[in-house]
Amino acid sequence: MATIKKLKVTLIRSLIARPLHHKESIKCLGLRRLHHSVVIEDNPCNRGAINKVSYLLSVEEI
């Protein structure tokens, strides 16, 4: 059985003056404030949200 890959995602830039759909993508990823990190599964849905707001995030594979 294959192991599920994980990503550590950290919000590194502010959400002030960002488009609403970018703010919603950050909320869906589970990020709440600056320098907050979450560990999420690496799947196409999460990758799409990360790609949309990649300029606000730092992403590491675990």
Protein backbone atom coordinates (compact mmCIF):
# COMPACT_ATOMS: atom_id res chain seq x y z
CA MET A 1 0.00 0.00 0.00
CA ALA A 2 1.35 3.40 -0.97
CA THR A 3 1.89 6.00 1.72
CA ILE A 4 0.10 9.31 1.39
CA LYS A 5 2.44 12.23 0.79
CA LYS A 6 2.10 15.26 3.05
CA LEU A 7 2.84 18.93 2.53
CA LYS A 8 3.69 21.52 5.16
CA VAL A 9 2.16 24.82 4.04
CA THR A 10 3.00 28.13 5.74
CA LEU A 11 1.38 31.53 5.12
CA ILE A 12 4.27 33.98 4.65
CA ARG A 13 2.56 37.04 3.16
CA SER A 14 -0.42 39.08 4.33
CA LEU A 15 -3.96 38.68 2.97
CA ILE A 16 -4.64 42.41 3.10
CA ALA A 17 -5.76 43.77 -0.31
CA ARG A 18 -5.95 40.30 -1.90
CA PRO A 19 -8.86 39.10 -4.06
CA LEU A 20 -11.69 37.36 -2.24
CA HIS A 21 -11.16 34.03 -4.02
CA HIS A 22 -7.51 34.02 -2.85
CA LYS A 23 -8.60 34.62 0.75
CA GLU A 24 -11.09 31.77 0.46
CA SER A 25 -8.40 29.43 -0.89
CA ILE A 26 -6.20 30.22 2.11
CA LYS A 27 -9.12 29.54 4.47
CA CYS A 28 -9.84 26.20 2.74
CA LEU A 29 -6.22 25.16 3.24
CA GLY A 30 -6.70 25.73 6.98
CA LEU A 31 -4.39 28.73 7.35
CA ARG A 32 -5.52 31.45 9.73
CA ARG A 33 -2.78 34.00 10.32
CA LEU A 34 0.71 35.01 9.23
CA HIS A 35 3.41 32.33 9.83
CA HIS A 36 0.73 29.72 10.62
CA SER A 37 1.62 26.24 9.31
CA VAL A 38 -0.55 23.22 8.55
CA VAL A 39 0.24 19.72 7.30
CA ILE A 40 -2.11 18.59 4.54
CA GLU A 41 -2.36 15.69 2.10
CA ASP A 42 -0.75 16.07 -1.31
CA ASN A 43 -3.71 15.64 -3.67
CA PRO A 44 -4.89 17.45 -6.82
CA CYS A 45 -7.48 19.53 -4.96
CA ASN A 46 -4.97 20.89 -2.44
CA ARG A 47 -2.35 21.38 -5.17
CA GLY A 48 -4.81 23.53 -7.13
CA ALA A 49 -5.48 25.77 -4.13
CA ILE A 50 -1.73 26.03 -3.45
CA ASN A 51 -0.97 26.94 -7.08
CA LYS A 52 -3.62 29.67 -7.05
CA VAL A 53 -2.03 31.46 -4.07
CA SER A 54 1.58 30.24 -4.35
CA TYR A 55 2.91 33.80 -4.06
CA LEU A 56 1.57 33.93 -0.46
CA LEU A 57 2.85 30.52 0.72
CA SER A 58 5.89 28.47 1.55
CA VAL A 59 5.47 24.75 0.77
CA GLU A 60 7.65 21.85 1.97
CA GLU A 61 7.27 18.13 1.29
CA ILE A 62 7.27 15.89 4.36
